[in-house]
Amino acid sequence: MHRRRKILTALSVLAVIAPLSAVLAVTTGASAAANPLPVTVTNNTGRSEPVYLYILSENLTTHAQGYVNAAGQFTAWSGGGLPPSPAPDVAIPGPANGASATLRIPQGVNGRIYFSFGEKLKLFLVPGGKLVQPAPWVSGDANFNILLDWSEFTYDAAGLFINSTQVDMVAVPHVVSVTGASGTQRTGQVVADGRNKIINAVKAQSGFDRSVITRSDGTVLRVLAPGKALDAGLMSATYLDAYINTAWAAYASKPLTVVPYQEDPAQKFTGTVSGNTMTFRNTSGAVVATFNKPVTKDVWGCAGNLAAPNDIVGAISRTLCAALNRSTLGATSTEPDYNAADFYKGTLTNHFSRIVHANMVDGRAYGFPFDDVGHFESLVHDANPSSASITLTTFGAGGPPPSPQPTPSTGPSPQPSTGPTTPPPPSNPGTTTWAPYTAYTVGQVVTYNGVRYQCRQSHTSIPGWEPPAVPALWQPI
């Protein structure tokens, strides 16, 4: 049985960091992975300010918090005070526009690779060498007016896991990739003019329109995820409550079956609602979990009444949270729902996540903390990596997006994998019906759910890339 764990379990002290997507901890033998691992950061943003890089991390053996220098050496923080005292300057000079810089990450750490533009981050420590993470969604945070973003990673015996997260915000679009013996995996590429499209769509969305934060010089610094916008007083605390009430009540008259582990479909749990409480039983009839009806804040953060410990309660909770963010709960009898065409229906939904996914070339993003349910997250993994990269992409219209690379997935899956064990046979190339695991070329026409689509980019399809879910690949005609 695979066991999940969180990236950044201890890096947040005073700043409240939303629970981030889990990654697998699997037992492996001797690894041929590079140690330290070279990570190339390329600046293609078109911006002229100096860039500063930081590797803020945790030692997975000692659990000490610290930082990694450009050569790949981990150093634990020490000291700290109350009020928090300034941390040492650990900035690594980043690449100018059009250039690259190489970092190195030692095996046995996890954390974040930050990038800031025009100004160094202001970092602080509390006693015990504990770091106060930047919280740029808070107007009083010292980093509020800095253009910044980050990627998250874990590098351990299971290899490298790295993602481009949007759980808290969208600020600097970036692609993450990892290369190993099996090739290169990449994700996080926005469509042409994707940053502006996300900004404009969120501004136009009722209830989310105040989530775009603009600096006095006109620079759009970030688009806040709804949980952070709510915390900042920029969004209604009851926005999703009416939908939650309806979805919850649906299971007073019908059961909900949750099958949280796709690789183990025999583990299923049946939930029913009485009053405000949903109770889940296993196949033997024993109660395994109960959940009080969540409120909007619980759904945005997958916390509170939807807190997800690393056990069966958490497995059910993350499934419920994903279903509520994607607006499938209430309409389904079994969760997770792995069909992206079912997501984000109706007026009350996580429009931030919907918009971000719609503007990713491969349709994958971390639009909320458990967007990895069904493997819709922007994460790549290699068990024996030789190198990795982060590419900071253009803020403007740019050129056409590159063809997406296949993600290391079996399709819908709650964890990274190396590909289908027994993929279905390719469909007849002469058919006009869309099918997964099929090579499509520009201009080719298919049908999906009765709608005709024309291929915009050559690619090989996988589950999750159905035409309506990936507008960068398919155009309705």
Protein backbone atom coordinates (compact mmCIF):
# COMPACT_ATOMS: atom_id res chain seq x y z
CA MET A 1 0.00 0.00 0.00
CA HIS A 2 1.34 3.38 -0.94
CA ARG A 3 1.35 6.00 1.76
CA ARG A 4 0.98 9.69 1.04
CA ARG A 5 2.76 12.59 2.68
CA LYS A 6 2.65 16.32 2.34
CA ILE A 7 5.28 18.55 0.78
CA LEU A 8 6.40 21.19 3.27
CA THR A 9 5.05 19.59 6.43
CA ALA A 10 6.96 21.93 8.71
CA LEU A 11 8.14 24.93 6.74
CA SER A 12 5.31 27.23 7.78
CA VAL A 13 5.42 28.79 11.23
CA LEU A 14 3.50 32.04 11.45
CA ALA A 15 2.16 32.26 7.91
CA VAL A 16 -0.77 29.92 7.47
CA ILE A 17 0.09 27.79 4.45
CA ALA A 18 -2.75 25.80 2.87
CA PRO A 19 -2.24 22.04 2.89
CA LEU A 20 -0.45 21.24 -0.32
CA SER A 21 -0.92 18.22 -2.50
CA ALA A 22 0.48 14.96 -1.23
CA VAL A 23 3.18 12.96 -2.96
CA LEU A 24 4.06 9.31 -2.63
CA ALA A 25 6.71 7.97 -0.34
CA VAL A 26 7.68 4.63 -1.79
CA THR A 27 10.43 2.25 -0.80
CA THR A 28 13.17 1.89 -3.37
CA GLY A 29 16.51 0.21 -3.65
CA ALA A 30 19.76 1.88 -4.51
CA SER A 31 19.22 4.95 -6.65
CA ALA A 32 21.22 6.06 -9.67
CA ALA A 33 19.87 9.59 -9.28
CA ALA A 34 22.22 12.55 -9.48
CA ASN A 35 23.19 13.86 -6.06
CA PRO A 36 23.18 16.79 -5.88
CA LEU A 37 20.67 17.19 -8.69
CA PRO A 38 21.26 20.05 -11.18
CA VAL A 39 18.19 22.25 -11.65
CA THR A 40 18.39 24.78 -14.49
CA VAL A 41 16.30 27.93 -14.06
CA THR A 42 15.64 29.81 -17.31
CA ASN A 43 14.17 33.30 -17.47
CA ASN A 44 11.95 33.78 -20.51
CA THR A 45 9.59 36.27 -18.88
CA GLY A 46 10.58 39.25 -21.00
CA ARG A 47 11.09 41.27 -17.81
CA SER A 48 14.26 43.28 -17.18
CA GLU A 49 14.46 43.29 -13.37
CA PRO A 50 17.11 41.22 -11.59
CA VAL A 51 15.89 37.83 -10.42
CA TYR A 52 16.74 36.27 -7.05
CA LEU A 53 16.44 32.55 -6.30
CA TYR A 54 16.04 30.75 -2.99
CA ILE A 55 15.94 27.07 -2.03
CA LEU A 56 14.11 27.01 1.31
CA SER A 57 13.87 23.47 2.55
CA GLU A 58 13.63 20.87 5.28
CA ASN A 59 16.08 18.05 5.95
CA LEU A 60 13.97 14.89 5.74
CA THR A 61 16.20 13.02 8.20
CA THR A 62 16.64 15.60 10.96
CA HIS A 63 13.52 17.66 10.11
CA ALA A 64 15.63 20.79 10.55
CA GLN A 65 14.54 23.78 8.49
CA GLY A 66 17.16 25.54 6.43
CA TYR A 67 18.30 26.57 2.99
CA VAL A 68 20.38 25.15 0.16
CA ASN A 69 23.07 27.19 -1.56
CA ALA A 70 23.75 27.14 -5.31
CA ALA A 71 26.28 24.32 -4.90
CA GLY A 72 23.74 22.05 -3.24
CA GLN A 73 24.80 22.34 0.40
CA PHE A 74 22.04 22.33 3.03
CA THR A 75 22.46 24.59 6.08
CA ALA A 76 20.05 24.58 8.99
CA TRP A 77 18.71 27.87 10.26
CA SER A 78 19.68 28.88 13.77
CA GLY A 79 18.56 31.58 16.17
CA GLY A 80 15.42 33.58 15.67
CA GLY A 81 13.44 35.80 17.99
CA LEU A 82 10.08 37.21 19.01
CA PRO A 83 9.13 39.33 17.28
CA PRO A 84 10.64 37.45 14.33
CA SER A 85 14.19 38.48 13.53
CA PRO A 86 15.61 38.91 9.99
CA ALA A 87 17.10 35.76 8.49
CA PRO A 88 20.54 35.80 6.83
CA ASP A 89 20.61 36.81 3.17
CA VAL A 90 20.60 33.49 1.30
CA ALA A 91 19.59 34.82 -2.12
CA ILE A 92 21.16 33.17 -5.16
CA PRO A 93 21.62 35.49 -8.18
CA GLY A 94 19.14 34.41 -10.84
CA PRO A 95 19.26 34.61 -14.62
CA ALA A 96 18.64 37.75 -16.61
CA ASN A 97 15.92 37.66 -19.24
CA GLY A 98 16.87 35.13 -21.91
CA ALA A 99 19.52 33.49 -19.73
CA SER A 100 19.76 30.48 -17.40
CA ALA A 101 21.30 29.66 -14.04
CA THR A 102 21.92 26.23 -12.51
CA LEU A 103 21.08 25.31 -8.94
CA ARG A 104 21.79 22.01 -7.20
CA ILE A 105 19.58 20.14 -4.75
CA PRO A 106 20.91 17.44 -2.42
CA GLN A 107 18.94 14.25 -1.96
CA GLY A 108 17.03 14.13 1.31
CA VAL A 109 15.29 17.52 1.35
CA ASN A 110 11.96 18.98 0.40
CA GLY A 111 10.73 22.53 0.16
CA ARG A 112 10.28 25.42 -2.23
CA ILE A 113 12.36 27.10 -4.90
CA TYR A 114 11.37 30.77 -4.76
CA PHE A 115 11.98 33.37 -7.46
CA SER A 116 11.53 37.09 -6.86
CA PHE A 117 11.82 39.96 -9.34
CA GLY A 118 13.47 43.32 -8.71
CA GLU A 119 13.87 42.88 -4.98
CA LYS A 120 15.15 40.25 -2.57
CA LEU A 121 12.70 38.44 -0.31
CA LYS A 122 12.42 39.52 3.31
CA LEU A 123 12.75 36.37 5.42
CA PHE A 124 12.35 36.07 9.17
CA LEU A 125 13.07 33.49 11.88
CA VAL A 126 11.41 32.69 15.20
CA PRO A 127 13.17 30.86 18.05
CA GLY A 128 14.50 27.43 17.24
CA GLY A 129 15.56 28.39 13.74
CA LYS A 130 12.00 28.23 12.38
CA LEU A 131 11.28 30.14 9.18
CA VAL A 132 8.32 32.41 8.70
CA GLN A 133 7.28 31.74 5.11
CA PRO A 134 6.44 34.75 2.92
CA ALA A 135 2.68 35.30 2.85
CA PRO A 136 2.22 37.79 -0.03
CA TRP A 137 -1.58 37.54 0.09
CA VAL A 138 -1.47 39.38 3.45
CA SER A 139 -1.33 43.15 2.92
CA GLY A 140 0.92 43.63 5.94
CA ASP A 141 3.45 41.01 4.88
CA ALA A 142 6.93 42.37 4.17
CA ASN A 143 6.87 40.74 0.73
CA PHE A 144 3.42 41.97 -0.32
CA ASN A 145 4.72 44.38 -2.99
CA ILE A 146 7.30 41.97 -4.44
CA LEU A 147 6.60 40.01 -7.61
CA LEU A 148 7.37 36.45 -6.52
CA ASP A 149 6.36 32.84 -6.93
CA TRP A 150 7.70 29.34 -6.25
CA SER A 151 7.82 25.69 -7.23
CA GLU A 152 7.60 22.89 -4.68
CA PHE A 153 9.73 19.77 -4.59
CA THR A 154 10.64 16.64 -2.69
CA TYR A 155 13.92 14.86 -3.48
CA ASP A 156 14.36 11.60 -1.59
CA ALA A 157 14.92 7.89 -2.16
CA ALA A 158 11.77 7.80 -4.30
CA GLY A 159 13.27 10.36 -6.68
CA LEU A 160 12.30 13.92 -7.53
CA PHE A 161 8.74 15.20 -7.29
CA ILE A 162 8.38 18.80 -8.48
CA ASN A 163 5.26 20.84 -9.20
CA SER A 164 4.17 24.27 -10.31
CA THR A 165 1.59 25.11 -7.68
CA GLN A 166 -1.37 27.45 -7.92
CA VAL A 167 -2.83 26.41 -4.56
CA ASP A 168 -2.25 29.89 -3.10
CA MET A 169 -1.99 32.11 -6.17
CA VAL A 170 -0.93 32.60 -9.78
CA ALA A 171 1.93 35.06 -10.19
CA VAL A 172 4.86 33.98 -12.37
CA PRO A 173 3.91 31.33 -14.95
CA HIS A 174 6.50 28.58 -15.01
CA VAL A 175 7.13 25.14 -16.43
CA VAL A 176 8.73 22.39 -14.35
CA SER A 177 10.45 19.37 -15.85
CA VAL A 178 12.52 16.38 -14.80
CA THR A 179 14.78 14.23 -16.96
CA GLY A 180 15.77 10.62 -16.32
CA ALA A 181 16.55 7.46 -18.24
CA SER A 182 12.97 7.30 -19.56
CA GLY A 183 13.08 10.83 -20.99
CA THR A 184 11.77 14.22 -19.94
CA GLN A 185 8.45 14.95 -18.26
CA ARG A 186 7.17 18.51 -18.12
CA THR A 187 4.09 20.40 -16.97
CA GLY A 188 2.96 23.91 -16.06
CA GLN A 189 3.01 25.51 -19.53
CA VAL A 190 0.28 28.12 -19.90
CA VAL A 191 -1.37 28.68 -23.27
CA ALA A 192 -0.32 31.66 -25.39
CA ASP A 193 -0.97 34.84 -23.36
CA GLY A 194 -2.07 32.53 -20.55
CA ARG A 195 -1.16 34.83 -17.66
CA ASN A 196 -3.23 37.67 -19.07
CA LYS A 197 -6.10 35.32 -19.88
CA ILE A 198 -6.17 34.07 -16.30
CA ILE A 199 -6.04 37.62 -14.92
CA ASN A 200 -8.81 38.87 -17.19
CA ALA A 201 -11.07 35.86 -16.66
CA VAL A 202 -10.79 36.08 -12.87
CA LYS A 203 -11.48 39.83 -12.99
CA ALA A 204 -14.62 39.13 -15.01
CA GLN A 205 -15.90 36.39 -12.68
CA SER A 206 -18.48 37.57 -10.19
CA GLY A 207 -17.36 36.95 -6.63
CA PHE A 208 -13.72 36.43 -7.63
CA ASP A 209 -13.08 39.81 -9.25
CA ARG A 210 -11.24 41.38 -6.28
CA SER A 211 -8.71 38.52 -6.17
CA VAL A 212 -6.32 40.24 -8.62
CA ILE A 213 -3.63 42.20 -6.75
CA THR A 214 -2.01 45.08 -8.65
CA ARG A 215 0.97 47.14 -7.47
CA SER A 216 0.89 50.94 -7.59
CA ASP A 217 3.12 50.92 -10.70
CA GLY A 218 0.48 48.89 -12.58
CA THR A 219 2.22 45.50 -12.25
CA VAL A 220 -0.24 42.67 -11.61
CA LEU A 221 1.55 40.89 -8.78
CA ARG A 222 -0.71 37.88 -8.32
CA VAL A 223 -4.16 36.36 -8.65
CA LEU A 224 -5.20 34.91 -5.32
CA ALA A 225 -6.77 31.50 -4.96
CA PRO A 226 -10.20 31.80 -3.29
CA GLY A 227 -9.02 30.65 0.12
CA LYS A 228 -6.38 33.37 0.26
CA ALA A 229 -8.79 35.95 -1.14
CA LEU A 230 -11.29 35.02 1.57
CA ASP A 231 -8.61 35.35 4.27
CA ALA A 232 -7.71 38.79 2.87
CA GLY A 233 -11.33 39.95 2.99
CA LEU A 234 -11.55 40.06 -0.80
CA MET A 235 -14.19 37.35 -1.19
CA SER A 236 -17.40 36.35 0.56
CA ALA A 237 -16.97 33.82 3.37
CA THR A 238 -20.30 32.23 2.37
CA TYR A 239 -19.75 32.15 -1.40
CA LEU A 240 -20.04 28.37 -1.75
CA ASP A 241 -22.41 27.66 1.15
CA ALA A 242 -25.60 27.35 -0.91
CA TYR A 243 -24.00 24.74 -3.17
CA ILE A 244 -22.52 22.89 -0.19
CA ASN A 245 -25.95 22.72 1.46
CA THR A 246 -27.54 21.27 -1.67
CA ALA A 247 -24.74 18.79 -2.33
CA TRP A 248 -24.67 17.59 1.29
CA ALA A 249 -28.44 17.17 1.44
CA ALA A 250 -28.42 15.00 -1.69
CA TYR A 251 -27.01 12.09 0.32
CA ALA A 252 -29.81 12.12 2.87
CA SER A 253 -31.86 10.24 0.28
CA LYS A 254 -29.15 8.30 -1.55
CA PRO A 255 -25.79 6.81 -0.56
CA LEU A 256 -22.42 8.10 -1.70
CA THR A 257 -19.73 5.53 -2.46
CA VAL A 258 -16.14 6.71 -2.09
CA VAL A 259 -13.37 4.62 -3.67
CA PRO A 260 -10.33 6.67 -2.64
CA TYR A 261 -7.59 4.37 -3.98
CA GLN A 262 -7.81 3.69 -7.68
CA GLU A 263 -5.20 0.94 -7.40
CA ASP A 264 -7.33 -0.78 -4.72
CA PRO A 265 -10.98 -0.57 -5.83
CA ALA A 266 -12.02 -3.15 -3.22
CA GLN A 267 -11.57 -0.47 -0.59
CA LYS A 268 -14.85 1.40 -0.78
CA PHE A 269 -16.84 3.30 1.78
CA THR A 270 -20.51 4.26 1.81
CA GLY A 271 -21.65 7.58 3.22
CA THR A 272 -25.09 8.84 4.17
CA VAL A 273 -26.20 12.16 5.64
CA SER A 274 -28.29 12.65 8.75
CA GLY A 275 -28.80 16.25 9.71
CA ASN A 276 -25.47 17.97 9.10
CA THR A 277 -23.34 14.84 9.53
CA MET A 278 -22.14 12.46 6.82
CA THR A 279 -21.19 9.04 8.17
CA PHE A 280 -19.08 6.55 6.24
CA ARG A 281 -19.04 2.79 6.76
CA ASN A 282 -16.79 0.13 5.31
CA THR A 283 -18.05 -2.97 3.47
CA SER A 284 -18.53 -4.71 6.82
CA GLY A 285 -20.81 -1.96 8.06
CA ALA A 286 -18.38 -0.50 10.61
CA VAL A 287 -18.22 3.29 10.94
CA VAL A 288 -14.82 4.55 9.72
CA ALA A 289 -15.34 8.32 9.45
CA THR A 290 -17.82 11.10 10.15
CA PHE A 291 -17.82 14.61 8.71
CA ASN A 292 -19.78 17.64 9.79
CA LYS A 293 -21.03 19.74 6.90
CA PRO A 294 -18.21 22.07 5.79
CA VAL A 295 -18.42 25.78 5.08
CA THR A 296 -16.85 27.68 2.19
CA LYS A 297 -13.50 28.21 3.94
CA ASP A 298 -13.21 24.46 4.66
CA VAL A 299 -13.67 23.64 0.97
CA TRP A 300 -11.20 26.22 -0.35
CA GLY A 301 -8.51 25.02 2.06
CA CYS A 302 -9.45 21.34 2.39
CA ALA A 303 -9.28 22.02 6.11
CA GLY A 304 -11.57 22.48 9.11
CA ASN A 305 -14.39 19.97 8.72
CA LEU A 306 -12.50 18.58 5.71
CA ALA A 307 -9.11 18.21 7.40
CA ALA A 308 -7.26 15.24 5.90
CA PRO A 309 -4.95 13.29 8.20
CA ASN A 310 -2.75 10.62 6.61
CA ASP A 311 -5.21 7.76 7.18
CA ILE A 312 -8.51 6.48 5.81
CA VAL A 313 -10.33 9.53 7.18
CA GLY A 314 -7.97 11.71 5.15
CA ALA A 315 -8.44 9.58 2.04
CA ILE A 316 -12.20 10.09 2.21
CA SER A 317 -11.84 13.75 3.16
CA ARG A 318 -9.62 14.66 0.22
CA THR A 319 -12.10 12.94 -2.10
CA LEU A 320 -14.97 15.01 -0.68
CA CYS A 321 -12.93 18.21 -0.89
CA ALA A 322 -11.99 17.60 -4.52
CA ALA A 323 -15.62 16.83 -5.38
CA LEU A 324 -16.83 20.04 -3.72
CA ASN A 325 -14.20 22.20 -5.45
CA ARG A 326 -15.05 20.59 -8.80
CA SER A 327 -18.83 20.77 -8.11
CA THR A 328 -19.44 17.07 -8.73
CA LEU A 329 -20.63 16.27 -5.20
CA GLY A 330 -24.39 15.96 -5.08
CA ALA A 331 -24.67 14.93 -8.74
CA THR A 332 -22.73 11.69 -8.34
CA SER A 333 -23.25 8.39 -6.58
CA THR A 334 -19.55 7.45 -6.67
CA GLU A 335 -16.47 9.60 -6.06
CA PRO A 336 -13.87 10.43 -7.22
CA ASP A 337 -15.31 11.43 -10.57
CA TYR A 338 -12.45 11.11 -13.07
CA ASN A 339 -14.20 12.78 -16.03
CA ALA A 340 -12.90 16.34 -16.36
CA ALA A 341 -15.91 17.19 -18.54
CA ASP A 342 -18.05 16.94 -15.39
CA PHE A 343 -16.03 19.51 -13.44
CA TYR A 344 -16.86 23.12 -12.52
CA LYS A 345 -20.48 23.02 -13.65
CA GLY A 346 -23.00 25.52 -12.32
CA THR A 347 -22.70 29.08 -11.10
CA LEU A 348 -21.19 28.31 -7.69
CA THR A 349 -17.91 26.51 -8.19
CA ASN A 350 -14.17 27.06 -7.85
CA HIS A 351 -13.92 29.36 -10.86
CA PHE A 352 -10.28 30.14 -10.04
CA SER A 353 -9.34 26.50 -10.49
CA ARG A 354 -11.56 26.21 -13.58
CA ILE A 355 -9.87 29.20 -15.20
CA VAL A 356 -6.34 28.06 -14.37
CA HIS A 357 -6.92 24.54 -15.74
CA ALA A 358 -8.49 25.96 -18.91
CA ASN A 359 -5.35 27.99 -19.57
CA MET A 360 -2.82 25.18 -19.17
CA VAL A 361 -1.56 23.45 -22.32
CA ASP A 362 -1.95 20.01 -20.75
CA GLY A 363 -4.99 20.95 -18.66
CA ARG A 364 -3.15 20.20 -15.41
CA ALA A 365 -2.78 22.54 -12.43
CA TYR A 366 -2.88 22.69 -8.64
CA GLY A 367 -6.03 24.77 -8.44
CA PHE A 368 -6.76 23.69 -4.85
CA PRO A 369 -4.92 21.61 -2.22
CA PHE A 370 -6.13 18.16 -3.34
CA ASP A 371 -6.28 18.73 -7.08
CA ASP A 372 -4.14 15.60 -7.33
CA VAL A 373 -7.25 13.46 -6.72
CA GLY A 374 -7.52 11.84 -10.13
CA HIS A 375 -4.04 13.13 -11.03
CA PHE A 376 -5.11 16.46 -12.49
CA GLU A 377 -2.22 18.25 -10.78
CA SER A 378 0.81 19.92 -12.38
CA LEU A 379 3.43 17.57 -10.94
CA VAL A 380 6.19 15.49 -12.55
CA HIS A 381 8.28 12.71 -11.04
CA ASP A 382 11.28 10.59 -11.93
CA ALA A 383 12.65 7.88 -9.64
CA ASN A 384 16.23 8.33 -10.89
CA PRO A 385 16.53 11.89 -12.19
CA SER A 386 19.65 13.18 -13.91
CA SER A 387 18.49 16.81 -14.11
CA ALA A 388 15.49 19.08 -13.69
CA SER A 389 14.48 22.54 -14.84
CA ILE A 390 12.20 25.46 -14.11
CA THR A 391 11.38 27.80 -16.98
CA LEU A 392 9.86 31.17 -16.11
CA THR A 393 7.67 31.86 -19.11
CA THR A 394 6.53 34.99 -20.89
CA PHE A 395 4.16 37.47 -19.23
CA GLY A 396 2.88 38.65 -22.61
CA ALA A 397 1.22 37.04 -25.58
CA GLY A 398 4.33 35.19 -26.71
CA GLY A 399 4.17 32.59 -29.44
CA PRO A 400 2.07 29.46 -29.83
CA PRO A 401 2.33 27.03 -26.91
CA PRO A 402 4.61 24.01 -27.39
CA SER A 403 3.17 20.56 -27.85
CA PRO A 404 2.55 19.03 -24.43
CA GLN A 405 4.72 16.17 -23.24
CA PRO A 406 2.99 13.05 -21.92
CA THR A 407 2.67 13.14 -18.15
CA PRO A 408 3.82 10.13 -16.12
CA SER A 409 0.31 8.94 -15.44
CA THR A 410 -2.01 6.06 -15.99
CA GLY A 411 -4.72 8.64 -16.48
CA PRO A 412 -6.89 9.32 -13.44
CA SER A 413 -4.83 8.27 -10.45
CA PRO A 414 -4.34 9.66 -6.96
CA GLN A 415 -0.55 9.46 -7.25
CA PRO A 416 2.28 9.75 -9.78
CA SER A 417 3.01 6.63 -11.80
CA THR A 418 5.20 5.58 -14.66
CA GLY A 419 2.51 5.01 -17.24
CA PRO A 420 -0.23 2.54 -18.10
CA THR A 421 0.45 -1.04 -17.12
CA THR A 422 -1.68 -2.37 -19.96
CA PRO A 423 -2.79 0.58 -22.09
CA PRO A 424 -5.83 0.07 -24.26
CA PRO A 425 -5.09 -0.57 -27.90
CA PRO A 426 -4.97 2.53 -30.11
CA SER A 427 -8.20 3.38 -31.82
CA ASN A 428 -8.51 2.95 -35.56
CA PRO A 429 -6.76 5.99 -37.05
CA GLY A 430 -9.62 6.35 -39.48
CA THR A 431 -12.26 6.85 -36.82
CA THR A 432 -13.66 10.29 -36.06
CA THR A 433 -14.39 9.54 -32.39
CA TRP A 434 -11.87 10.87 -29.88
CA ALA A 435 -10.02 8.18 -27.94
CA PRO A 436 -7.14 8.13 -25.45
CA TYR A 437 -3.66 6.86 -26.35
CA THR A 438 -4.11 8.02 -29.94
CA ALA A 439 -1.79 10.19 -32.03
CA TYR A 440 -3.58 13.25 -33.47
CA THR A 441 -2.22 15.78 -35.96
CA VAL A 442 -3.04 19.44 -36.55
CA GLY A 443 -6.29 19.83 -38.48
CA GLN A 444 -7.64 16.36 -37.69
CA VAL A 445 -11.35 16.36 -36.79
CA VAL A 446 -12.92 14.17 -34.11
CA THR A 447 -16.22 13.98 -32.32
CA TYR A 448 -16.66 13.85 -28.56
CA ASN A 449 -20.08 13.68 -26.86
CA GLY A 450 -21.68 14.67 -30.14
CA VAL A 451 -19.53 17.78 -30.65
CA ARG A 452 -16.95 18.09 -33.47
CA TYR A 453 -13.45 19.31 -32.60
CA GLN A 454 -10.43 20.18 -34.74
CA CYS A 455 -6.93 19.43 -33.47
CA ARG A 456 -4.88 22.58 -32.81
CA GLN A 457 -1.58 20.86 -31.85
CA SER A 458 -0.15 17.48 -32.71
CA HIS A 459 -0.12 15.25 -29.62
CA THR A 460 -0.83 11.78 -28.27
CA SER A 461 -4.00 11.79 -26.18
CA ILE A 462 -4.31 10.49 -22.64
CA PRO A 463 -7.23 10.36 -20.20
CA GLY A 464 -7.89 13.88 -18.91
CA TRP A 465 -7.11 15.45 -22.29
CA GLU A 466 -10.63 15.05 -23.66
CA PRO A 467 -11.36 17.86 -26.17
CA PRO A 468 -13.59 20.03 -23.95
CA ALA A 469 -11.05 19.79 -21.09
CA VAL A 470 -8.02 20.98 -23.10
CA PRO A 471 -8.93 23.96 -25.32
CA ALA A 472 -5.25 24.45 -26.18
CA LEU A 473 -5.36 21.15 -28.08
CA TRP A 474 -8.90 21.11 -29.51
CA GLN A 475 -11.15 23.75 -30.99
CA PRO A 476 -14.91 23.12 -31.29
CA ILE A 477 -16.17 23.53 -34.87
